[in-house]
Amino acid sequence: MLLAAASQVTERIKLITMGIQLSLYPQPVRVAEELAMANNLSGGRVVAGFVSTTAASLYAYNVTATEDRARYHEAYDLIVKAWTESEPFEWHGDYFDYPCVSILPRRSRAASPVWTVAASAESLQWAAQRHMALLSSGPTSRALRRWPTTGISP
């Protein structure tokens, strides 16, 4: 809601949310709808950032640590499909089950790239396969040392 409000009182700045912990959301389709609406209201200025969660949040939301990564990844793939698929579709995943997904409005074609944070080689590989923009903690030299283990070039 804050992004939607900010879209109405700004004209040029990017509206960035870096820290949506997808594994905690029971309804990722709702996340897709809300981000798409804010993005359209802003003329494509919303920058979505998705991250894994912390142990404290997992505990507070009663999500097991072993499910965190898989729930995050499935929710992300569902959200992107909801943003881009022109026809209604079914989704029957390990964590989310929808007989019909069709959001309105769709995310603006002018939308900014989606960002994520990655620290492990597995997370870097996953983000690269999805062409996500990347934030990495620590100095650039440490981030670059992770690249050789991913099988992708920086």
N, C-alpha and C. Protein backbone atom coordinates (compact mmCIF):
# COMPACT_ATOMS: atom_id res chain seq x y z
N MET A 1 0.82 -1.19 0.00
CA MET A 1 0.00 0.00 0.00
C MET A 1 0.87 1.25 0.00
N LEU A 2 1.99 1.18 0.68
CA LEU A 2 2.88 2.33 0.73
C LEU A 2 3.41 2.67 -0.66
N LEU A 3 3.74 1.64 -1.45
CA LEU A 3 4.22 1.88 -2.81
C LEU A 3 3.15 2.56 -3.65
N ALA A 4 1.90 2.11 -3.53
CA ALA A 4 0.80 2.71 -4.28
C ALA A 4 0.63 4.17 -3.89
N ALA A 5 0.69 4.46 -2.60
CA ALA A 5 0.57 5.84 -2.14
C ALA A 5 1.73 6.68 -2.66
N ALA A 6 2.94 6.15 -2.58
CA ALA A 6 4.12 6.88 -3.05
C ALA A 6 4.05 7.14 -4.55
N SER A 7 3.42 6.24 -5.28
CA SER A 7 3.32 6.42 -6.73
C SER A 7 2.49 7.64 -7.10
N GLN A 8 1.63 8.08 -6.20
CA GLN A 8 0.74 9.20 -6.48
C GLN A 8 1.34 10.56 -6.11
N VAL A 9 2.41 10.56 -5.34
CA VAL A 9 3.02 11.83 -4.93
C VAL A 9 4.45 11.98 -5.45
N THR A 10 4.87 11.06 -6.31
CA THR A 10 6.18 11.14 -6.95
C THR A 10 5.98 10.97 -8.45
N GLU A 11 6.99 11.36 -9.21
CA GLU A 11 6.86 11.24 -10.66
C GLU A 11 7.99 10.46 -11.33
N ARG A 12 9.18 10.52 -10.75
CA ARG A 12 10.32 9.93 -11.44
C ARG A 12 11.11 8.91 -10.64
N ILE A 13 11.05 8.97 -9.33
CA ILE A 13 11.91 8.08 -8.54
C ILE A 13 11.43 6.63 -8.63
N LYS A 14 12.38 5.72 -8.54
CA LYS A 14 12.04 4.31 -8.45
C LYS A 14 11.47 4.04 -7.07
N LEU A 15 10.48 3.18 -7.01
CA LEU A 15 9.85 2.80 -5.75
C LEU A 15 10.30 1.38 -5.45
N ILE A 16 11.21 1.26 -4.50
CA ILE A 16 11.91 -0.01 -4.29
C ILE A 16 11.47 -0.67 -3.00
N THR A 17 11.19 -1.95 -3.11
CA THR A 17 10.95 -2.76 -1.92
C THR A 17 11.97 -3.90 -1.97
N MET A 18 12.90 -3.89 -1.06
CA MET A 18 13.94 -4.92 -1.06
C MET A 18 13.82 -5.69 0.23
N GLY A 19 13.06 -6.74 0.19
CA GLY A 19 12.95 -7.55 1.38
C GLY A 19 11.62 -8.25 1.54
N ILE A 20 10.90 -8.49 0.45
CA ILE A 20 9.67 -9.27 0.55
C ILE A 20 10.08 -10.72 0.76
N GLN A 21 9.74 -11.25 1.90
CA GLN A 21 10.11 -12.61 2.28
C GLN A 21 9.03 -13.57 1.79
N LEU A 22 9.15 -14.02 0.56
CA LEU A 22 8.08 -14.77 -0.10
C LEU A 22 7.68 -16.05 0.61
N SER A 23 8.59 -16.69 1.27
CA SER A 23 8.22 -17.97 1.91
C SER A 23 7.22 -17.77 3.05
N LEU A 24 7.05 -16.54 3.52
CA LEU A 24 6.12 -16.27 4.62
C LEU A 24 4.71 -15.97 4.16
N TYR A 25 4.52 -15.72 2.87
CA TYR A 25 3.21 -15.33 2.37
C TYR A 25 2.38 -16.56 2.00
N PRO A 26 1.21 -16.72 2.62
CA PRO A 26 0.37 -17.88 2.28
C PRO A 26 -0.30 -17.74 0.91
N GLN A 27 -0.38 -16.50 0.38
CA GLN A 27 -1.05 -16.26 -0.90
C GLN A 27 -0.14 -15.43 -1.83
N PRO A 28 0.78 -16.07 -2.54
CA PRO A 28 1.66 -15.30 -3.43
C PRO A 28 0.92 -14.62 -4.58
N VAL A 29 -0.25 -15.11 -4.95
CA VAL A 29 -1.02 -14.45 -6.00
C VAL A 29 -1.42 -13.05 -5.54
N ARG A 30 -1.71 -12.91 -4.27
CA ARG A 30 -2.04 -11.59 -3.73
C ARG A 30 -0.84 -10.65 -3.82
N VAL A 31 0.35 -11.18 -3.55
CA VAL A 31 1.58 -10.38 -3.69
C VAL A 31 1.73 -9.93 -5.14
N ALA A 32 1.49 -10.85 -6.09
CA ALA A 32 1.58 -10.52 -7.52
C ALA A 32 0.61 -9.41 -7.88
N GLU A 33 -0.63 -9.51 -7.40
CA GLU A 33 -1.64 -8.49 -7.70
C GLU A 33 -1.28 -7.13 -7.13
N GLU A 34 -0.86 -7.11 -5.89
CA GLU A 34 -0.56 -5.83 -5.24
C GLU A 34 0.65 -5.14 -5.88
N LEU A 35 1.69 -5.92 -6.18
CA LEU A 35 2.86 -5.33 -6.83
C LEU A 35 2.53 -4.87 -8.25
N ALA A 36 1.71 -5.63 -8.97
CA ALA A 36 1.30 -5.23 -10.32
C ALA A 36 0.50 -3.93 -10.28
N MET A 37 -0.40 -3.83 -9.33
CA MET A 37 -1.21 -2.61 -9.21
C MET A 37 -0.32 -1.41 -8.91
N ALA A 38 0.57 -1.53 -7.94
CA ALA A 38 1.47 -0.42 -7.60
C ALA A 38 2.36 -0.07 -8.79
N ASN A 39 2.82 -1.09 -9.50
CA ASN A 39 3.68 -0.86 -10.65
C ASN A 39 2.93 -0.10 -11.75
N ASN A 40 1.69 -0.46 -11.99
CA ASN A 40 0.90 0.23 -13.01
C ASN A 40 0.57 1.65 -12.59
N LEU A 41 0.24 1.84 -11.32
CA LEU A 41 -0.05 3.19 -10.83
C LEU A 41 1.16 4.11 -10.97
N SER A 42 2.35 3.54 -10.86
CA SER A 42 3.57 4.34 -10.92
C SER A 42 4.15 4.46 -12.32
N GLY A 43 3.53 3.84 -13.29
CA GLY A 43 4.09 3.88 -14.64
C GLY A 43 5.32 3.01 -14.80
N GLY A 44 5.38 1.92 -14.04
CA GLY A 44 6.49 0.97 -14.16
C GLY A 44 7.69 1.28 -13.29
N ARG A 45 7.50 2.06 -12.24
CA ARG A 45 8.64 2.46 -11.40
C ARG A 45 8.87 1.58 -10.18
N VAL A 46 8.03 0.57 -9.96
CA VAL A 46 8.21 -0.31 -8.80
C VAL A 46 9.33 -1.31 -9.07
N VAL A 47 10.23 -1.41 -8.14
CA VAL A 47 11.30 -2.39 -8.20
C VAL A 47 11.05 -3.38 -7.07
N ALA A 48 10.71 -4.60 -7.43
CA ALA A 48 10.43 -5.63 -6.43
C ALA A 48 11.71 -6.36 -6.07
N GLY A 49 11.90 -6.56 -4.78
CA GLY A 49 13.05 -7.31 -4.28
C GLY A 49 12.57 -8.41 -3.36
N PHE A 50 12.93 -9.63 -3.68
CA PHE A 50 12.52 -10.79 -2.89
C PHE A 50 13.72 -11.41 -2.20
N VAL A 51 13.54 -11.85 -0.97
CA VAL A 51 14.63 -12.42 -0.19
C VAL A 51 14.16 -13.66 0.57
N SER A 52 15.14 -14.45 0.98
CA SER A 52 14.85 -15.52 1.93
C SER A 52 14.60 -14.88 3.28
N THR A 53 14.11 -15.63 4.21
CA THR A 53 13.74 -15.04 5.49
C THR A 53 14.75 -15.40 6.58
N THR A 54 14.50 -14.91 7.76
CA THR A 54 15.37 -15.17 8.91
C THR A 54 14.77 -16.25 9.79
N ALA A 55 15.59 -16.81 10.63
CA ALA A 55 15.12 -17.86 11.55
C ALA A 55 14.00 -17.34 12.45
N ALA A 56 14.15 -16.12 12.92
CA ALA A 56 13.13 -15.55 13.81
C ALA A 56 11.79 -15.40 13.10
N SER A 57 11.81 -14.96 11.85
CA SER A 57 10.56 -14.82 11.10
C SER A 57 9.95 -16.18 10.78
N LEU A 58 10.79 -17.14 10.44
CA LEU A 58 10.28 -18.49 10.18
C LEU A 58 9.56 -19.02 11.42
N TYR A 59 10.15 -18.82 12.57
CA TYR A 59 9.55 -19.26 13.82
C TYR A 59 8.22 -18.52 14.07
N ALA A 60 8.24 -17.21 13.90
CA ALA A 60 7.05 -16.40 14.16
C ALA A 60 5.89 -16.75 13.25
N TYR A 61 6.18 -17.14 12.00
CA TYR A 61 5.13 -17.47 11.04
C TYR A 61 4.89 -18.97 10.92
N ASN A 62 5.57 -19.73 11.76
CA ASN A 62 5.39 -21.19 11.80
C ASN A 62 5.70 -21.86 10.45
N VAL A 63 6.80 -21.43 9.83
CA VAL A 63 7.29 -22.04 8.60
C VAL A 63 8.60 -22.73 8.95
N THR A 64 8.74 -23.98 8.56
CA THR A 64 9.97 -24.70 8.89
C THR A 64 11.12 -24.23 8.01
N ALA A 65 12.31 -24.24 8.57
CA ALA A 65 13.49 -23.80 7.85
C ALA A 65 13.74 -24.65 6.60
N THR A 66 13.38 -25.92 6.66
CA THR A 66 13.59 -26.80 5.51
C THR A 66 12.67 -26.44 4.34
N GLU A 67 11.59 -25.71 4.60
CA GLU A 67 10.66 -25.30 3.54
C GLU A 67 10.98 -23.93 2.97
N ASP A 68 11.78 -23.14 3.65
CA ASP A 68 11.98 -21.74 3.28
C ASP A 68 12.36 -21.57 1.82
N ARG A 69 13.43 -22.17 1.40
CA ARG A 69 13.93 -21.96 0.02
C ARG A 69 12.92 -22.45 -1.02
N ALA A 70 12.37 -23.63 -0.83
CA ALA A 70 11.44 -24.17 -1.82
C ALA A 70 10.15 -23.34 -1.89
N ARG A 71 9.65 -22.88 -0.75
CA ARG A 71 8.45 -22.03 -0.75
C ARG A 71 8.74 -20.70 -1.47
N TYR A 72 9.89 -20.13 -1.19
CA TYR A 72 10.31 -18.88 -1.83
C TYR A 72 10.38 -19.06 -3.35
N HIS A 73 11.07 -20.11 -3.78
CA HIS A 73 11.25 -20.33 -5.21
C HIS A 73 9.92 -20.60 -5.91
N GLU A 74 9.07 -21.41 -5.30
CA GLU A 74 7.77 -21.68 -5.92
C GLU A 74 6.92 -20.41 -5.98
N ALA A 75 6.90 -19.65 -4.90
CA ALA A 75 6.12 -18.41 -4.88
C ALA A 75 6.63 -17.45 -5.96
N TYR A 76 7.94 -17.34 -6.10
CA TYR A 76 8.50 -16.46 -7.12
C TYR A 76 8.06 -16.88 -8.52
N ASP A 77 8.20 -18.16 -8.83
CA ASP A 77 7.82 -18.65 -10.16
C ASP A 77 6.33 -18.43 -10.42
N LEU A 78 5.50 -18.61 -9.41
CA LEU A 78 4.07 -18.37 -9.53
C LEU A 78 3.78 -16.89 -9.79
N ILE A 79 4.43 -16.02 -9.07
CA ILE A 79 4.24 -14.58 -9.23
C ILE A 79 4.63 -14.14 -10.64
N VAL A 80 5.76 -14.57 -11.12
CA VAL A 80 6.20 -14.17 -12.46
C VAL A 80 5.23 -14.69 -13.51
N LYS A 81 4.76 -15.91 -13.36
CA LYS A 81 3.80 -16.43 -14.32
C LYS A 81 2.49 -15.63 -14.26
N ALA A 82 2.06 -15.27 -13.06
CA ALA A 82 0.84 -14.46 -12.92
C ALA A 82 1.01 -13.09 -13.60
N TRP A 83 2.21 -12.53 -13.53
CA TRP A 83 2.48 -11.24 -14.16
C TRP A 83 2.51 -11.32 -15.68
N THR A 84 2.91 -12.46 -16.22
CA THR A 84 3.21 -12.53 -17.65
C THR A 84 2.25 -13.37 -18.47
N GLU A 85 1.55 -14.27 -17.86
CA GLU A 85 0.64 -15.16 -18.61
C GLU A 85 -0.62 -14.40 -19.00
N SER A 86 -0.95 -14.42 -20.27
CA SER A 86 -2.12 -13.66 -20.75
C SER A 86 -3.43 -14.40 -20.52
N GLU A 87 -3.36 -15.70 -20.36
CA GLU A 87 -4.57 -16.50 -20.15
C GLU A 87 -4.59 -17.05 -18.73
N PRO A 88 -5.79 -17.29 -18.18
CA PRO A 88 -5.86 -17.94 -16.86
C PRO A 88 -5.15 -19.30 -16.90
N PHE A 89 -4.56 -19.69 -15.77
CA PHE A 89 -3.86 -20.97 -15.72
C PHE A 89 -4.06 -21.62 -14.35
N GLU A 90 -3.85 -22.91 -14.32
CA GLU A 90 -3.88 -23.67 -13.05
C GLU A 90 -2.47 -23.68 -12.48
N TRP A 91 -2.39 -23.76 -11.16
CA TRP A 91 -1.09 -23.91 -10.49
C TRP A 91 -1.25 -24.96 -9.39
N HIS A 92 -0.54 -26.05 -9.54
CA HIS A 92 -0.57 -27.12 -8.54
C HIS A 92 0.87 -27.44 -8.15
N GLY A 93 1.37 -26.70 -7.17
CA GLY A 93 2.75 -26.88 -6.73
C GLY A 93 2.82 -27.65 -5.43
N ASP A 94 4.00 -27.68 -4.86
CA ASP A 94 4.20 -28.36 -3.58
C ASP A 94 3.61 -27.57 -2.42
N TYR A 95 3.57 -26.24 -2.54
CA TYR A 95 3.12 -25.40 -1.44
C TYR A 95 1.88 -24.56 -1.75
N PHE A 96 1.63 -24.32 -3.03
CA PHE A 96 0.51 -23.48 -3.41
C PHE A 96 -0.33 -24.21 -4.46
N ASP A 97 -1.64 -24.09 -4.30
CA ASP A 97 -2.56 -24.80 -5.19
C ASP A 97 -3.71 -23.88 -5.57
N TYR A 98 -3.81 -23.59 -6.86
CA TYR A 98 -4.85 -22.71 -7.37
C TYR A 98 -5.49 -23.35 -8.60
N PRO A 99 -6.82 -23.48 -8.60
CA PRO A 99 -7.48 -24.01 -9.81
C PRO A 99 -7.48 -22.99 -10.95
N CYS A 100 -7.37 -21.69 -10.61
CA CYS A 100 -7.37 -20.66 -11.66
C CYS A 100 -6.62 -19.43 -11.16
N VAL A 101 -5.59 -19.05 -11.89
CA VAL A 101 -4.84 -17.83 -11.57
C VAL A 101 -4.99 -16.89 -12.76
N SER A 102 -5.45 -15.70 -12.48
CA SER A 102 -5.58 -14.67 -13.50
C SER A 102 -5.68 -13.33 -12.78
N ILE A 103 -4.61 -12.56 -12.82
CA ILE A 103 -4.61 -11.28 -12.09
C ILE A 103 -4.85 -10.12 -13.05
N LEU A 104 -5.44 -9.10 -12.51
CA LEU A 104 -5.62 -7.84 -13.22
C LEU A 104 -5.31 -6.72 -12.25
N PRO A 105 -4.55 -5.75 -12.64
CA PRO A 105 -3.90 -5.65 -13.93
C PRO A 105 -2.64 -6.51 -13.97
N ARG A 106 -2.17 -6.77 -15.15
CA ARG A 106 -0.87 -7.42 -15.30
C ARG A 106 0.20 -6.39 -14.98
N ARG A 107 1.38 -6.86 -14.70
CA ARG A 107 2.51 -5.96 -14.43
C ARG A 107 2.87 -5.22 -15.71
N SER A 108 3.13 -3.94 -15.61
CA SER A 108 3.46 -3.10 -16.75
C SER A 108 4.68 -3.63 -17.50
N ARG A 109 4.63 -3.52 -18.81
CA ARG A 109 5.79 -3.94 -19.61
C ARG A 109 7.01 -3.07 -19.33
N ALA A 110 6.79 -1.90 -18.80
CA ALA A 110 7.89 -1.00 -18.47
C ALA A 110 8.50 -1.32 -17.10
N ALA A 111 8.07 -2.42 -16.50
CA ALA A 111 8.50 -2.76 -15.15
C ALA A 111 10.02 -2.92 -15.06
N SER A 112 10.53 -2.54 -13.90
CA SER A 112 11.95 -2.71 -13.61
C SER A 112 12.24 -4.18 -13.33
N PRO A 113 13.51 -4.59 -13.41
CA PRO A 113 13.83 -5.98 -13.11
C PRO A 113 13.55 -6.32 -11.65
N VAL A 114 13.37 -7.59 -11.39
CA VAL A 114 13.18 -8.08 -10.03
C VAL A 114 14.55 -8.39 -9.45
N TRP A 115 14.74 -8.01 -8.17
CA TRP A 115 16.00 -8.20 -7.49
C TRP A 115 15.90 -9.30 -6.45
N THR A 116 17.03 -9.89 -6.14
CA THR A 116 17.12 -10.83 -5.03
C THR A 116 18.49 -10.70 -4.39
N VAL A 117 18.63 -11.33 -3.26
CA VAL A 117 19.90 -11.40 -2.55
C VAL A 117 20.37 -12.85 -2.62
N ALA A 118 21.65 -13.03 -2.85
CA ALA A 118 22.17 -14.40 -2.91
C ALA A 118 23.54 -14.45 -2.26
N ALA A 119 23.73 -15.48 -1.44
CA ALA A 119 25.03 -15.65 -0.79
C ALA A 119 25.66 -16.99 -1.17
N SER A 120 24.85 -17.97 -1.48
CA SER A 120 25.38 -19.29 -1.81
C SER A 120 25.45 -19.49 -3.32
N ALA A 121 26.25 -20.44 -3.74
CA ALA A 121 26.35 -20.75 -5.16
C ALA A 121 25.00 -21.21 -5.70
N GLU A 122 24.26 -21.97 -4.90
CA GLU A 122 22.94 -22.45 -5.33
C GLU A 122 21.98 -21.27 -5.57
N SER A 123 22.00 -20.29 -4.67
CA SER A 123 21.13 -19.12 -4.82
C SER A 123 21.54 -18.28 -6.03
N LEU A 124 22.83 -18.13 -6.25
CA LEU A 124 23.31 -17.40 -7.42
C LEU A 124 22.86 -18.08 -8.71
N GLN A 125 22.97 -19.40 -8.75
CA GLN A 125 22.56 -20.16 -9.93
C GLN A 125 21.06 -19.99 -10.18
N TRP A 126 20.27 -20.10 -9.13
CA TRP A 126 18.81 -19.96 -9.24
C TRP A 126 18.47 -18.56 -9.78
N ALA A 127 19.07 -17.51 -9.23
CA ALA A 127 18.80 -16.14 -9.66
C ALA A 127 19.24 -15.93 -11.11
N ALA A 128 20.37 -16.47 -11.49
CA ALA A 128 20.87 -16.32 -12.86
C ALA A 128 19.94 -17.02 -13.86
N GLN A 129 19.45 -18.18 -13.51
CA GLN A 129 18.53 -18.91 -14.40
C GLN A 129 17.26 -18.11 -14.66
N ARG A 130 16.88 -17.26 -13.71
CA ARG A 130 15.66 -16.47 -13.85
C ARG A 130 15.95 -15.03 -14.27
N HIS A 131 17.20 -14.74 -14.59
CA HIS A 131 17.60 -13.41 -15.07
C HIS A 131 17.23 -12.31 -14.08
N MET A 132 17.42 -12.61 -12.80
CA MET A 132 17.12 -11.63 -11.75
C MET A 132 18.33 -10.73 -11.53
N ALA A 133 18.04 -9.50 -11.16
CA ALA A 133 19.11 -8.61 -10.73
C ALA A 133 19.55 -9.09 -9.34
N LEU A 134 20.78 -8.81 -8.98
CA LEU A 134 21.35 -9.43 -7.79
C LEU A 134 22.02 -8.43 -6.87
N LEU A 135 21.75 -8.60 -5.59
CA LEU A 135 22.50 -7.91 -4.54
C LEU A 135 23.26 -8.98 -3.78
N SER A 136 24.47 -8.69 -3.44
CA SER A 136 25.27 -9.65 -2.68
C SER A 136 25.90 -8.92 -1.51
N SER A 137 25.93 -9.56 -0.38
CA SER A 137 26.49 -8.91 0.80
C SER A 137 28.02 -8.94 0.77
N GLY A 138 28.59 -8.00 1.48
CA GLY A 138 30.03 -7.96 1.60
C GLY A 138 30.68 -7.24 0.44
N PRO A 139 32.01 -7.22 0.45
CA PRO A 139 32.74 -6.53 -0.61
C PRO A 139 32.60 -7.24 -1.96
N THR A 140 32.80 -6.49 -3.02
CA THR A 140 32.70 -7.03 -4.38
C THR A 140 33.64 -8.21 -4.58
N SER A 141 34.83 -8.14 -4.01
CA SER A 141 35.81 -9.22 -4.19
C SER A 141 35.26 -10.54 -3.65
N ARG A 142 34.53 -10.50 -2.54
CA ARG A 142 33.96 -11.74 -1.99
C ARG A 142 32.83 -12.24 -2.89
N ALA A 143 32.01 -11.35 -3.40
CA ALA A 143 30.93 -11.75 -4.30
C ALA A 143 31.49 -12.40 -5.56
N LEU A 144 32.57 -11.83 -6.11
CA LEU A 144 33.16 -12.38 -7.32
C LEU A 144 33.76 -13.77 -7.09
N ARG A 145 34.25 -14.03 -5.88
CA ARG A 145 34.80 -15.36 -5.57
C ARG A 145 33.71 -16.43 -5.63
N ARG A 146 32.45 -16.05 -5.43
CA ARG A 146 31.36 -17.03 -5.48
C ARG A 146 31.02 -17.44 -6.91
N TRP A 147 31.26 -16.57 -7.88
CA TRP A 147 30.85 -16.84 -9.25
C TRP A 147 31.44 -18.12 -9.83
N PRO A 148 32.73 -18.42 -9.67
CA PRO A 148 33.28 -19.61 -10.31
C PRO A 148 32.54 -20.90 -9.93
N THR A 149 31.95 -20.95 -8.74
CA THR A 149 31.28 -22.18 -8.32
C THR A 149 29.89 -22.33 -8.91
N THR A 150 29.40 -21.32 -9.62
CA THR A 150 28.04 -21.37 -10.13
C THR A 150 27.97 -21.93 -11.55
N GLY A 151 29.08 -21.90 -12.28
CA GLY A 151 29.07 -22.34 -13.67
C GLY A 151 28.56 -21.25 -14.61
N ILE A 152 28.39 -20.03 -14.11
CA ILE A 152 27.96 -18.92 -14.95
C ILE A 152 29.02 -17.84 -14.90
N SER A 153 29.05 -17.00 -15.90
CA SER A 153 30.07 -15.94 -15.89
C SER A 153 29.46 -14.65 -15.37
N PRO A 154 30.27 -13.83 -14.65
CA PRO A 154 29.76 -12.57 -14.11
C PRO A 154 29.45 -11.56 -15.20
